[in-house]
Amino acid sequence: MPRKSSSAEFRFIDLFAGIGGLRIPFDELGGRCVFTSEIDQAARATYQQNFGPEDIDEDIVACDKSAIPEHDLLLAGFPCQPFSQAGLREGFGDPTRGTMFFEIMQVVRFHEPAVVLLENVKGLTHHDGGRTMSVIERMLDSPADESPGYWIRAKVLNALDFGLPQNRERIYIVALRKDLFRSSDFDFPEPPRDETRVGSVLEDRVDQSFTISDRLWAGHQRRQASHQARGNGFGFGVFGPEDAYTYTLLARYYKDGREILIDQGPERNPRKITPREAARLQGFPEDFVVHPSKTQAYRQFGNAVPVPVVRAIAQTLVPVMRKRVRSASGA
């Protein structure tokens, strides 16, 4: 079901939008998305299924930044692979993905939104000995000679602490325009740390096709034993309904599902989670339309932002933003 905001109290843009995990809480709080950019065709299809048939810009690099509508808030979950332990960790040196932050900064320089919210992997915090994060903070602090610059808040938050049974740490960066906000206007919300259990996201009936084969199960066990003997980290995770949380859901999950397998008792091999369970593990609403391809669904939810974490940030940020933007406009 398309999610439309009930009013247009503030305007925002959604860059590197994926399937809209960053957008959902800001729609809920009355924002109006005025521009979306996402290069992946399958992700665009899922996005449009859930947010309506609005135009989506395919390539932020080729986009005329001056043609982007004016906005109060810029959202961007920019590509994380250059900074991830699961990738090559080339950072800004990645010629296709590592430079995407500079595309964001072009938009920031031209439009000077009141607030910028960025999301990335925890590895960004210490990539290149902390120099990558220093570049990001320095550029936001002073985007251009005549720019007012931004106050910066950055924090690693875990989805597990916000009610999702998944150990998923990500860094969130909030930048507030210095001429509109005080440095003390925003701080990250305290996580509720409610008790979690894997069973809360599991479906009651799951098709046998999700059970992994004897060959794959034997291969997982064999590789884990071999790697453990050498003292390194290959492993798989088997979880039951009463376990508090799973490992991190990754975009590669469609390949073999080894990070998160569900125990089915001693008589059956473990199974992969279903796409709907993956959606729940990331906190997406029950009416969120999942891509019909399992491969694409796993990739999309593995790349997604955990919605409850963003919701908590949004509920803290939006009232302050609404007050400051209205005050600046004389409303």
C-alpha atoms as a PDB file:
ATOM      1  CA  MET A   1       0.000   0.000   0.000  1.00  0.00           C
ATOM      2  CA  PRO A   2       1.508   3.369  -0.988  1.00  0.00           C
ATOM      3  CA  ARG A   3       2.536   5.467   2.012  1.00  0.00           C
ATOM      4  CA  LYS A   4       1.581   9.099   1.620  1.00  0.00           C
ATOM      5  CA  SER A   5       2.241  11.769   4.202  1.00  0.00           C
ATOM      6  CA  SER A   6      -0.866  13.389   5.644  1.00  0.00           C
ATOM      7  CA  SER A   7       0.558  16.896   5.360  1.00  0.00           C
ATOM      8  CA  ALA A   8       3.607  18.719   4.114  1.00  0.00           C
ATOM      9  CA  GLU A   9       4.998  20.221   7.296  1.00  0.00           C
ATOM     10  CA  PHE A  10       8.521  19.746   5.982  1.00  0.00           C
ATOM     11  CA  ARG A  11      10.063  18.614   2.725  1.00  0.00           C
ATOM     12  CA  PHE A  12      12.783  16.035   2.364  1.00  0.00           C
ATOM     13  CA  ILE A  13      14.775  14.193  -0.289  1.00  0.00           C
ATOM     14  CA  ASP A  14      15.755  10.527  -0.221  1.00  0.00           C
ATOM     15  CA  LEU A  15      19.147   9.812  -1.825  1.00  0.00           C
ATOM     16  CA  PHE A  16      20.504   6.276  -2.320  1.00  0.00           C
ATOM     17  CA  ALA A  17      16.995   5.412  -1.221  1.00  0.00           C
ATOM     18  CA  GLY A  18      17.093   1.620  -1.540  1.00  0.00           C
ATOM     19  CA  ILE A  19      13.594   0.475  -0.618  1.00  0.00           C
ATOM     20  CA  GLY A  20      12.772   3.426   1.611  1.00  0.00           C
ATOM     21  CA  GLY A  21      13.742   2.423   5.140  1.00  0.00           C
ATOM     22  CA  LEU A  22      14.967   5.937   5.930  1.00  0.00           C
ATOM     23  CA  ARG A  23      11.843   7.504   4.455  1.00  0.00           C
ATOM     24  CA  ILE A  24       9.111   5.647   6.341  1.00  0.00           C
ATOM     25  CA  PRO A  25       9.414   7.415   9.739  1.00  0.00           C
ATOM     26  CA  PHE A  26       9.564  10.871   8.146  1.00  0.00           C
ATOM     27  CA  ASP A  27       6.429  10.130   6.114  1.00  0.00           C
ATOM     28  CA  GLU A  28       4.763   9.077   9.354  1.00  0.00           C
ATOM     29  CA  LEU A  29       5.659  12.402  10.967  1.00  0.00           C
ATOM     30  CA  GLY A  30       4.142  14.560   8.246  1.00  0.00           C
ATOM     31  CA  GLY A  31       7.024  15.060   5.847  1.00  0.00           C
ATOM     32  CA  ARG A  32       6.680  15.186   2.082  1.00  0.00           C
ATOM     33  CA  CYS A  33       9.317  13.536  -0.079  1.00  0.00           C
ATOM     34  CA  VAL A  34      10.042  15.820  -3.048  1.00  0.00           C
ATOM     35  CA  PHE A  35      12.891  13.916  -4.702  1.00  0.00           C
ATOM     36  CA  THR A  36      14.174  10.343  -4.691  1.00  0.00           C
ATOM     37  CA  SER A  37      17.313   8.833  -6.194  1.00  0.00           C
ATOM     38  CA  GLU A  38      18.136   5.119  -6.476  1.00  0.00           C
ATOM     39  CA  ILE A  39      20.234   3.456  -9.173  1.00  0.00           C
ATOM     40  CA  ASP A  40      19.157  -0.185  -8.664  1.00  0.00           C
ATOM     41  CA  GLN A  41      16.224  -1.109 -10.904  1.00  0.00           C
ATOM     42  CA  ALA A  42      14.774  -3.801  -8.622  1.00  0.00           C
ATOM     43  CA  ALA A  43      14.970  -1.511  -5.582  1.00  0.00           C
ATOM     44  CA  ARG A  44      13.201   1.233  -7.543  1.00  0.00           C
ATOM     45  CA  ALA A  45      10.399  -1.205  -8.373  1.00  0.00           C
ATOM     46  CA  THR A  46       9.923  -2.103  -4.695  1.00  0.00           C
ATOM     47  CA  TYR A  47      10.077   1.571  -3.695  1.00  0.00           C
ATOM     48  CA  GLN A  48       7.386   2.532  -6.183  1.00  0.00           C
ATOM     49  CA  GLN A  49       5.179  -0.373  -5.097  1.00  0.00           C
ATOM     50  CA  ASN A  50       5.243   0.989  -1.563  1.00  0.00           C
ATOM     51  CA  PHE A  51       5.366   4.761  -1.983  1.00  0.00           C
ATOM     52  CA  GLY A  52       3.480   5.281  -5.197  1.00  0.00           C
ATOM     53  CA  PRO A  53       4.378   5.733  -8.867  1.00  0.00           C
ATOM     54  CA  GLU A  54       6.436   8.861  -8.326  1.00  0.00           C
ATOM     55  CA  ASP A  55       9.455   9.568 -10.503  1.00  0.00           C
ATOM     56  CA  ILE A  56      12.761   8.269  -9.195  1.00  0.00           C
ATOM     57  CA  ASP A  57      16.042   9.655 -10.433  1.00  0.00           C
ATOM     58  CA  GLU A  58      18.258   6.762 -11.472  1.00  0.00           C
ATOM     59  CA  ASP A  59      21.725   8.264 -11.193  1.00  0.00           C
ATOM     60  CA  ILE A  60      22.635  10.953  -8.690  1.00  0.00           C
ATOM     61  CA  VAL A  61      26.022  11.394 -10.414  1.00  0.00           C
ATOM     62  CA  ALA A  62      24.406  12.474 -13.691  1.00  0.00           C
ATOM     63  CA  CYS A  63      21.676  14.443 -11.955  1.00  0.00           C
ATOM     64  CA  ASP A  64      21.544  18.223 -12.273  1.00  0.00           C
ATOM     65  CA  LYS A  65      21.819  19.114  -8.586  1.00  0.00           C
ATOM     66  CA  SER A  66      20.271  22.539  -9.174  1.00  0.00           C
ATOM     67  CA  ALA A  67      17.105  20.842 -10.482  1.00  0.00           C
ATOM     68  CA  ILE A  68      16.485  19.031  -7.197  1.00  0.00           C
ATOM     69  CA  PRO A  69      13.538  20.704  -5.420  1.00  0.00           C
ATOM     70  CA  GLU A  70      14.184  22.797  -2.338  1.00  0.00           C
ATOM     71  CA  HIS A  71      14.038  20.766   0.860  1.00  0.00           C
ATOM     72  CA  ASP A  72      14.454  21.024   4.606  1.00  0.00           C
ATOM     73  CA  LEU A  73      15.945  17.581   5.191  1.00  0.00           C
ATOM     74  CA  LEU A  74      18.364  15.447   3.191  1.00  0.00           C
ATOM     75  CA  LEU A  75      18.332  11.675   3.835  1.00  0.00           C
ATOM     76  CA  ALA A  76      21.058   9.419   2.469  1.00  0.00           C
ATOM     77  CA  GLY A  77      22.060   5.860   3.247  1.00  0.00           C
ATOM     78  CA  PHE A  78      25.045   6.134   0.933  1.00  0.00           C
ATOM     79  CA  PRO A  79      26.859   2.993  -0.314  1.00  0.00           C
ATOM     80  CA  CYS A  80      28.460   1.150   2.573  1.00  0.00           C
ATOM     81  CA  GLN A  81      30.539  -1.503   0.787  1.00  0.00           C
ATOM     82  CA  PRO A  82      33.672   0.684   0.535  1.00  0.00           C
ATOM     83  CA  PHE A  83      33.744   0.922   4.341  1.00  0.00           C
ATOM     84  CA  SER A  84      32.462  -2.534   5.283  1.00  0.00           C
ATOM     85  CA  GLN A  85      34.461  -5.433   6.692  1.00  0.00           C
ATOM     86  CA  ALA A  86      32.560  -7.617   4.213  1.00  0.00           C
ATOM     87  CA  GLY A  87      33.888  -5.568   1.285  1.00  0.00           C
ATOM     88  CA  LEU A  88      37.319  -4.506   0.067  1.00  0.00           C
ATOM     89  CA  ARG A  89      37.264  -1.456   2.364  1.00  0.00           C
ATOM     90  CA  GLU A  90      38.644   0.868  -0.324  1.00  0.00           C
ATOM     91  CA  GLY A  91      36.708   3.810   1.100  1.00  0.00           C
ATOM     92  CA  PHE A  92      36.886   6.982  -0.971  1.00  0.00           C
ATOM     93  CA  GLY A  93      39.286   5.083  -3.248  1.00  0.00           C
ATOM     94  CA  ASP A  94      36.453   2.919  -4.582  1.00  0.00           C
ATOM     95  CA  PRO A  95      35.943   4.501  -8.022  1.00  0.00           C
ATOM     96  CA  THR A  96      32.234   3.638  -8.321  1.00  0.00           C
ATOM     97  CA  ARG A  97      30.870   3.754  -4.759  1.00  0.00           C
ATOM     98  CA  GLY A  98      33.418   5.392  -2.502  1.00  0.00           C
ATOM     99  CA  THR A  99      32.917   8.844  -4.013  1.00  0.00           C
ATOM    100  CA  MET A 100      29.142   8.950  -3.487  1.00  0.00           C
ATOM    101  CA  PHE A 101      29.531  11.034  -0.336  1.00  0.00           C
ATOM    102  CA  PHE A 102      30.936  13.831  -2.533  1.00  0.00           C
ATOM    103  CA  GLU A 103      27.741  13.693  -4.617  1.00  0.00           C
ATOM    104  CA  ILE A 104      25.786  14.287  -1.406  1.00  0.00           C
ATOM    105  CA  MET A 105      28.011  17.240  -0.610  1.00  0.00           C
ATOM    106  CA  GLN A 106      27.276  18.792  -4.002  1.00  0.00           C
ATOM    107  CA  VAL A 107      23.583  18.758  -3.088  1.00  0.00           C
ATOM    108  CA  VAL A 108      24.339  20.162   0.373  1.00  0.00           C
ATOM    109  CA  ARG A 109      26.430  23.013  -1.067  1.00  0.00           C
ATOM    110  CA  PHE A 110      23.778  24.018  -3.575  1.00  0.00           C
ATOM    111  CA  HIS A 111      20.617  23.670  -1.442  1.00  0.00           C
ATOM    112  CA  GLU A 112      21.895  24.063   2.137  1.00  0.00           C
ATOM    113  CA  PRO A 113      19.139  21.945   3.733  1.00  0.00           C
ATOM    114  CA  ALA A 114      18.398  22.622   7.384  1.00  0.00           C
ATOM    115  CA  VAL A 115      19.231  19.055   8.379  1.00  0.00           C
ATOM    116  CA  VAL A 116      21.226  16.175   6.893  1.00  0.00           C
ATOM    117  CA  LEU A 117      20.793  12.582   8.101  1.00  0.00           C
ATOM    118  CA  LEU A 118      23.280   9.987   6.862  1.00  0.00           C
ATOM    119  CA  GLU A 119      23.554   6.250   7.581  1.00  0.00           C
ATOM    120  CA  ASN A 120      26.401   3.819   6.973  1.00  0.00           C
ATOM    121  CA  VAL A 121      28.151   0.778   8.398  1.00  0.00           C
ATOM    122  CA  LYS A 122      29.922   0.896  11.746  1.00  0.00           C
ATOM    123  CA  GLY A 123      33.235   0.398   9.900  1.00  0.00           C
ATOM    124  CA  LEU A 124      33.028   3.973   8.649  1.00  0.00           C
ATOM    125  CA  THR A 125      33.983   5.173  12.141  1.00  0.00           C
ATOM    126  CA  HIS A 126      37.474   3.677  12.027  1.00  0.00           C
ATOM    127  CA  HIS A 127      38.077   3.319   8.276  1.00  0.00           C
ATOM    128  CA  ASP A 128      41.563   4.470   7.247  1.00  0.00           C
ATOM    129  CA  GLY A 129      42.481   5.087  10.862  1.00  0.00           C
ATOM    130  CA  GLY A 130      39.560   7.473  11.345  1.00  0.00           C
ATOM    131  CA  ARG A 131      40.623   9.751   8.488  1.00  0.00           C
ATOM    132  CA  THR A 132      37.553   8.980   6.353  1.00  0.00           C
ATOM    133  CA  MET A 133      35.212  10.056   9.130  1.00  0.00           C
ATOM    134  CA  SER A 134      37.323  13.175   9.709  1.00  0.00           C
ATOM    135  CA  VAL A 135      36.909  14.154   6.047  1.00  0.00           C
ATOM    136  CA  ILE A 136      33.123  13.726   6.304  1.00  0.00           C
ATOM    137  CA  GLU A 137      32.922  15.816   9.471  1.00  0.00           C
ATOM    138  CA  ARG A 138      35.222  18.508   8.088  1.00  0.00           C
ATOM    139  CA  MET A 139      33.242  18.831   4.852  1.00  0.00           C
ATOM    140  CA  LEU A 140      29.933  19.090   6.705  1.00  0.00           C
ATOM    141  CA  ASP A 141      31.369  21.561   9.191  1.00  0.00           C
ATOM    142  CA  SER A 142      32.342  23.891   6.349  1.00  0.00           C
ATOM    143  CA  PRO A 143      30.803  22.838   3.007  1.00  0.00           C
ATOM    144  CA  ALA A 144      31.772  26.030   1.158  1.00  0.00           C
ATOM    145  CA  ASP A 145      33.266  29.460   1.777  1.00  0.00           C
ATOM    146  CA  GLU A 146      29.909  31.220   2.198  1.00  0.00           C
ATOM    147  CA  SER A 147      28.114  28.311   3.862  1.00  0.00           C
ATOM    148  CA  PRO A 148      26.942  28.591   7.484  1.00  0.00           C
ATOM    149  CA  GLY A 149      28.193  25.048   8.063  1.00  0.00           C
ATOM    150  CA  TYR A 150      26.690  22.322  10.210  1.00  0.00           C
ATOM    151  CA  TRP A 151      26.793  21.118  13.793  1.00  0.00           C
ATOM    152  CA  ILE A 152      27.528  17.388  13.647  1.00  0.00           C
ATOM    153  CA  ARG A 153      26.326  14.547  15.815  1.00  0.00           C
ATOM    154  CA  ALA A 154      27.399  10.969  15.045  1.00  0.00           C
ATOM    155  CA  LYS A 155      26.631   7.772  16.924  1.00  0.00           C
ATOM    156  CA  VAL A 156      26.715   4.018  16.379  1.00  0.00           C
ATOM    157  CA  LEU A 157      23.319   2.526  17.217  1.00  0.00           C
ATOM    158  CA  ASN A 158      22.320  -1.134  17.330  1.00  0.00           C
ATOM    159  CA  ALA A 159      18.955  -2.327  16.004  1.00  0.00           C
ATOM    160  CA  LEU A 160      18.926  -4.800  18.895  1.00  0.00           C
ATOM    161  CA  ASP A 161      18.558  -1.911  21.349  1.00  0.00           C
ATOM    162  CA  PHE A 162      15.481  -0.624  19.506  1.00  0.00           C
ATOM    163  CA  GLY A 163      13.341  -3.741  19.700  1.00  0.00           C
ATOM    164  CA  LEU A 164      14.579  -5.756  16.730  1.00  0.00           C
ATOM    165  CA  PRO A 165      16.029  -9.235  17.376  1.00  0.00           C
ATOM    166  CA  GLN A 166      19.070  -8.583  15.201  1.00  0.00           C
ATOM    167  CA  ASN A 167      22.604  -7.530  16.118  1.00  0.00           C
ATOM    168  CA  ARG A 168      23.002  -4.729  13.587  1.00  0.00           C
ATOM    169  CA  GLU A 169      25.260  -1.786  14.370  1.00  0.00           C
ATOM    170  CA  ARG A 170      25.232   1.217  12.059  1.00  0.00           C
ATOM    171  CA  ILE A 171      26.531   4.768  12.310  1.00  0.00           C
ATOM    172  CA  TYR A 172      24.053   7.635  12.025  1.00  0.00           C
ATOM    173  CA  ILE A 173      25.253  11.164  11.305  1.00  0.00           C
ATOM    174  CA  VAL A 174      22.989  14.148  11.951  1.00  0.00           C
ATOM    175  CA  ALA A 175      24.107  17.562  10.705  1.00  0.00           C
ATOM    176  CA  LEU A 176      22.229  20.726  11.749  1.00  0.00           C
ATOM    177  CA  ARG A 177      22.725  24.053   9.974  1.00  0.00           C
ATOM    178  CA  LYS A 178      24.526  26.398  12.323  1.00  0.00           C
ATOM    179  CA  ASP A 179      22.496  29.495  11.472  1.00  0.00           C
ATOM    180  CA  LEU A 180      19.233  27.689  12.281  1.00  0.00           C
ATOM    181  CA  PHE A 181      20.134  25.498  15.253  1.00  0.00           C
ATOM    182  CA  ARG A 182      22.111  25.583  18.450  1.00  0.00           C
ATOM    183  CA  SER A 183      24.709  22.882  18.901  1.00  0.00           C
ATOM    184  CA  SER A 184      22.651  21.524  21.807  1.00  0.00           C
ATOM    185  CA  ASP A 185      19.384  21.270  19.874  1.00  0.00           C
ATOM    186  CA  PHE A 186      19.732  17.569  19.085  1.00  0.00           C
ATOM    187  CA  ASP A 187      21.076  14.510  20.779  1.00  0.00           C
ATOM    188  CA  PHE A 188      20.461  10.916  19.861  1.00  0.00           C
ATOM    189  CA  PRO A 189      17.583   9.192  21.647  1.00  0.00           C
ATOM    190  CA  GLU A 190      18.270   6.723  24.415  1.00  0.00           C
ATOM    191  CA  PRO A 191      17.452   3.227  23.154  1.00  0.00           C
ATOM    192  CA  PRO A 192      14.652   1.458  25.045  1.00  0.00           C
ATOM    193  CA  ARG A 193      16.559  -1.845  25.115  1.00  0.00           C
ATOM    194  CA  ASP A 194      13.363  -3.840  25.422  1.00  0.00           C
ATOM    195  CA  GLU A 195      13.669  -7.609  25.612  1.00  0.00           C
ATOM    196  CA  THR A 196      13.760  -9.246  22.186  1.00  0.00           C
ATOM    197  CA  ARG A 197      13.281 -12.773  20.876  1.00  0.00           C
ATOM    198  CA  VAL A 198      13.744 -14.256  17.420  1.00  0.00           C
ATOM    199  CA  GLY A 199      10.326 -15.890  17.565  1.00  0.00           C
ATOM    200  CA  SER A 200       8.672 -12.484  17.280  1.00  0.00           C
ATOM    201  CA  VAL A 201       9.608 -12.247  13.579  1.00  0.00           C
ATOM    202  CA  LEU A 202       9.009 -15.861  12.542  1.00  0.00           C
ATOM    203  CA  GLU A 203       6.097 -16.927  10.382  1.00  0.00           C
ATOM    204  CA  ASP A 204       3.787 -19.701  11.624  1.00  0.00           C
ATOM    205  CA  ARG A 205       3.933 -21.764   8.453  1.00  0.00           C
ATOM    206  CA  VAL A 206       6.998 -21.870   6.220  1.00  0.00           C
ATOM    207  CA  ASP A 207       7.329 -23.799   2.978  1.00  0.00           C
ATOM    208  CA  GLN A 208       9.737 -26.735   2.898  1.00  0.00           C
ATOM    209  CA  SER A 209      11.684 -24.988   0.128  1.00  0.00           C
ATOM    210  CA  PHE A 210      13.346 -22.761   2.746  1.00  0.00           C
ATOM    211  CA  THR A 211      14.978 -25.782   4.433  1.00  0.00           C
ATOM    212  CA  ILE A 212      18.615 -25.977   3.352  1.00  0.00           C
ATOM    213  CA  SER A 213      19.776 -29.100   1.554  1.00  0.00           C
ATOM    214  CA  ASP A 214      21.798 -31.920   3.093  1.00  0.00           C
ATOM    215  CA  ARG A 215      24.704 -30.942   0.861  1.00  0.00           C
ATOM    216  CA  LEU A 216      24.652 -27.269   1.878  1.00  0.00           C
ATOM    217  CA  TRP A 217      24.239 -28.096   5.571  1.00  0.00           C
ATOM    218  CA  ALA A 218      27.148 -30.551   5.459  1.00  0.00           C
ATOM    219  CA  GLY A 219      29.251 -27.948   3.651  1.00  0.00           C
ATOM    220  CA  HIS A 220      28.536 -25.302   6.279  1.00  0.00           C
ATOM    221  CA  GLN A 221      29.571 -27.633   9.084  1.00  0.00           C
ATOM    222  CA  ARG A 222      32.675 -28.829   7.251  1.00  0.00           C
ATOM    223  CA  ARG A 223      33.890 -25.314   6.457  1.00  0.00           C
ATOM    224  CA  GLN A 224      33.238 -24.095   9.968  1.00  0.00           C
ATOM    225  CA  ALA A 225      35.233 -26.960  11.484  1.00  0.00           C
ATOM    226  CA  SER A 226      38.097 -26.319   9.067  1.00  0.00           C
ATOM    227  CA  HIS A 227      38.190 -22.596   9.768  1.00  0.00           C
ATOM    228  CA  GLN A 228      37.944 -23.067  13.515  1.00  0.00           C
ATOM    229  CA  ALA A 229      40.917 -25.422  13.370  1.00  0.00           C
ATOM    230  CA  ARG A 230      42.896 -22.628  11.676  1.00  0.00           C
ATOM    231  CA  GLY A 231      41.638 -20.039  14.162  1.00  0.00           C
ATOM    232  CA  ASN A 232      39.735 -17.822  11.753  1.00  0.00           C
ATOM    233  CA  GLY A 233      36.157 -16.711  11.432  1.00  0.00           C
ATOM    234  CA  PHE A 234      33.997 -18.608   8.965  1.00  0.00           C
ATOM    235  CA  GLY A 235      30.788 -19.554  10.692  1.00  0.00           C
ATOM    236  CA  PHE A 236      27.076 -19.922  10.429  1.00  0.00           C
ATOM    237  CA  GLY A 237      24.370 -19.038  12.909  1.00  0.00           C
ATOM    238  CA  VAL A 238      21.481 -21.293  13.894  1.00  0.00           C
ATOM    239  CA  PHE A 239      18.831 -19.603  16.025  1.00  0.00           C
ATOM    240  CA  GLY A 240      15.685 -20.722  17.780  1.00  0.00           C
ATOM    241  CA  PRO A 241      12.520 -18.781  18.661  1.00  0.00           C
ATOM    242  CA  GLU A 242      13.682 -18.150  22.225  1.00  0.00           C
ATOM    243  CA  ASP A 243      17.061 -16.720  21.239  1.00  0.00           C
ATOM    244  CA  ALA A 244      17.337 -12.995  21.901  1.00  0.00           C
ATOM    245  CA  TYR A 245      18.721 -12.036  18.491  1.00  0.00           C
ATOM    246  CA  THR A 246      20.293 -13.159  15.220  1.00  0.00           C
ATOM    247  CA  TYR A 247      23.484 -12.164  13.477  1.00  0.00           C
ATOM    248  CA  THR A 248      23.379  -9.226  11.053  1.00  0.00           C
ATOM    249  CA  LEU A 249      21.259  -9.752   7.947  1.00  0.00           C
ATOM    250  CA  LEU A 250      23.552  -9.169   4.946  1.00  0.00           C
ATOM    251  CA  ALA A 251      22.800  -8.407   1.303  1.00  0.00           C
ATOM    252  CA  ARG A 252      24.545 -11.677   0.359  1.00  0.00           C
ATOM    253  CA  TYR A 253      21.982 -13.685   2.339  1.00  0.00           C
ATOM    254  CA  TYR A 254      20.386 -15.052  -0.837  1.00  0.00           C
ATOM    255  CA  LYS A 255      23.556 -17.005  -1.629  1.00  0.00           C
ATOM    256  CA  ASP A 256      23.417 -19.551   1.196  1.00  0.00           C
ATOM    257  CA  GLY A 257      21.764 -17.917   4.203  1.00  0.00           C
ATOM    258  CA  ARG A 258      24.494 -19.081   6.539  1.00  0.00           C
ATOM    259  CA  GLU A 259      24.472 -15.987   8.774  1.00  0.00           C
ATOM    260  CA  ILE A 260      20.899 -16.611   9.934  1.00  0.00           C
ATOM    261  CA  LEU A 261      19.459 -20.115   9.940  1.00  0.00           C
ATOM    262  CA  ILE A 262      16.397 -21.166  11.934  1.00  0.00           C
ATOM    263  CA  ASP A 263      16.493 -24.351  13.970  1.00  0.00           C
ATOM    264  CA  GLN A 264      13.806 -26.893  13.023  1.00  0.00           C
ATOM    265  CA  GLY A 265      14.646 -29.580  15.560  1.00  0.00           C
ATOM    266  CA  PRO A 266      16.898 -32.650  15.433  1.00  0.00           C
ATOM    267  CA  GLU A 267      15.029 -34.349  12.593  1.00  0.00           C
ATOM    268  CA  ARG A 268      15.320 -31.560  10.021  1.00  0.00           C
ATOM    269  CA  ASN A 269      18.051 -29.337   8.660  1.00  0.00           C
ATOM    270  CA  PRO A 270      17.845 -25.643   9.578  1.00  0.00           C
ATOM    271  CA  ARG A 271      16.015 -23.301   7.225  1.00  0.00           C
ATOM    272  CA  LYS A 272      16.598 -19.861   5.821  1.00  0.00           C
ATOM    273  CA  ILE A 273      14.397 -17.020   6.941  1.00  0.00           C
ATOM    274  CA  THR A 274      11.646 -16.022   4.522  1.00  0.00           C
ATOM    275  CA  PRO A 275      11.578 -12.625   2.784  1.00  0.00           C
ATOM    276  CA  ARG A 276       8.738 -11.541   5.082  1.00  0.00           C
ATOM    277  CA  GLU A 277      10.806 -12.555   8.103  1.00  0.00           C
ATOM    278  CA  ALA A 278      13.692 -10.521   6.684  1.00  0.00           C
ATOM    279  CA  ALA A 279      11.333  -7.539   6.420  1.00  0.00           C
ATOM    280  CA  ARG A 280      10.283  -8.003  10.043  1.00  0.00           C
ATOM    281  CA  LEU A 281      13.895  -8.369  11.144  1.00  0.00           C
ATOM    282  CA  GLN A 282      14.462  -4.866   9.749  1.00  0.00           C
ATOM    283  CA  GLY A 283      11.275  -3.478  11.267  1.00  0.00           C
ATOM    284  CA  PHE A 284       9.367  -2.845   8.029  1.00  0.00           C
ATOM    285  CA  PRO A 285       5.561  -2.626   8.326  1.00  0.00           C
ATOM    286  CA  GLU A 286       3.488  -5.752   7.768  1.00  0.00           C
ATOM    287  CA  ASP A 287       1.822  -4.213   4.719  1.00  0.00           C
ATOM    288  CA  PHE A 288       5.165  -3.441   3.064  1.00  0.00           C
ATOM    289  CA  VAL A 289       5.126  -5.033  -0.398  1.00  0.00           C
ATOM    290  CA  VAL A 290       8.079  -7.418  -0.768  1.00  0.00           C
ATOM    291  CA  HIS A 291       9.783  -7.897  -4.146  1.00  0.00           C
ATOM    292  CA  PRO A 292       8.534 -11.137  -5.764  1.00  0.00           C
ATOM    293  CA  SER A 293      12.084 -12.371  -6.398  1.00  0.00           C
ATOM    294  CA  LYS A 294      13.538 -13.975  -3.266  1.00  0.00           C
ATOM    295  CA  THR A 295      17.039 -13.045  -4.390  1.00  0.00           C
ATOM    296  CA  GLN A 296      16.116  -9.398  -4.778  1.00  0.00           C
ATOM    297  CA  ALA A 297      14.097  -9.353  -1.540  1.00  0.00           C
ATOM    298  CA  TYR A 298      17.029 -10.689   0.478  1.00  0.00           C
ATOM    299  CA  ARG A 299      19.424  -8.231  -1.137  1.00  0.00           C
ATOM    300  CA  GLN A 300      17.075  -5.327  -0.527  1.00  0.00           C
ATOM    301  CA  PHE A 301      16.400  -6.062   3.132  1.00  0.00           C
ATOM    302  CA  GLY A 302      20.072  -6.902   3.713  1.00  0.00           C
ATOM    303  CA  ASN A 303      20.961  -3.435   2.421  1.00  0.00           C
ATOM    304  CA  ALA A 304      18.097  -1.705   4.221  1.00  0.00           C
ATOM    305  CA  VAL A 305      18.071   0.563   7.255  1.00  0.00           C
ATOM    306  CA  PRO A 306      16.359  -0.760  10.420  1.00  0.00           C
ATOM    307  CA  VAL A 307      13.187   1.298  10.551  1.00  0.00           C
ATOM    308  CA  PRO A 308      12.698   1.494  14.363  1.00  0.00           C
ATOM    309  CA  VAL A 309      16.142   3.052  14.811  1.00  0.00           C
ATOM    310  CA  VAL A 310      15.364   5.752  12.248  1.00  0.00           C
ATOM    311  CA  ARG A 311      11.915   6.229  13.782  1.00  0.00           C
ATOM    312  CA  ALA A 312      13.450   6.974  17.184  1.00  0.00           C
ATOM    313  CA  ILE A 313      15.863   9.474  15.602  1.00  0.00           C
ATOM    314  CA  ALA A 314      13.047  11.087  13.611  1.00  0.00           C
ATOM    315  CA  GLN A 315      10.789  11.443  16.646  1.00  0.00           C
ATOM    316  CA  THR A 316      13.566  13.359  18.391  1.00  0.00           C
ATOM    317  CA  LEU A 317      14.705  15.355  15.368  1.00  0.00           C
ATOM    318  CA  VAL A 318      11.479  16.428  13.655  1.00  0.00           C
ATOM    319  CA  PRO A 319      10.007  18.551  16.482  1.00  0.00           C
ATOM    320  CA  VAL A 320      13.258  20.519  16.716  1.00  0.00           C
ATOM    321  CA  MET A 321      13.508  20.846  12.940  1.00  0.00           C
ATOM    322  CA  ARG A 322       9.873  21.918  12.643  1.00  0.00           C
ATOM    323  CA  LYS A 323      10.355  24.618  15.270  1.00  0.00           C
ATOM    324  CA  ARG A 324      13.586  25.993  13.815  1.00  0.00           C
ATOM    325  CA  VAL A 325      12.495  25.931  10.173  1.00  0.00           C
ATOM    326  CA  ARG A 326       9.195  27.640  10.997  1.00  0.00           C
ATOM    327  CA  SER A 327      10.994  30.254  13.065  1.00  0.00           C
ATOM    328  CA  ALA A 328      13.438  30.974  10.243  1.00  0.00           C
ATOM    329  CA  SER A 329      10.604  31.346   7.716  1.00  0.00           C
ATOM    330  CA  GLY A 330       8.611  33.601  10.023  1.00  0.00           C
ATOM    331  CA  ALA A 331       5.723  31.142  10.216  1.00  0.00           C
END
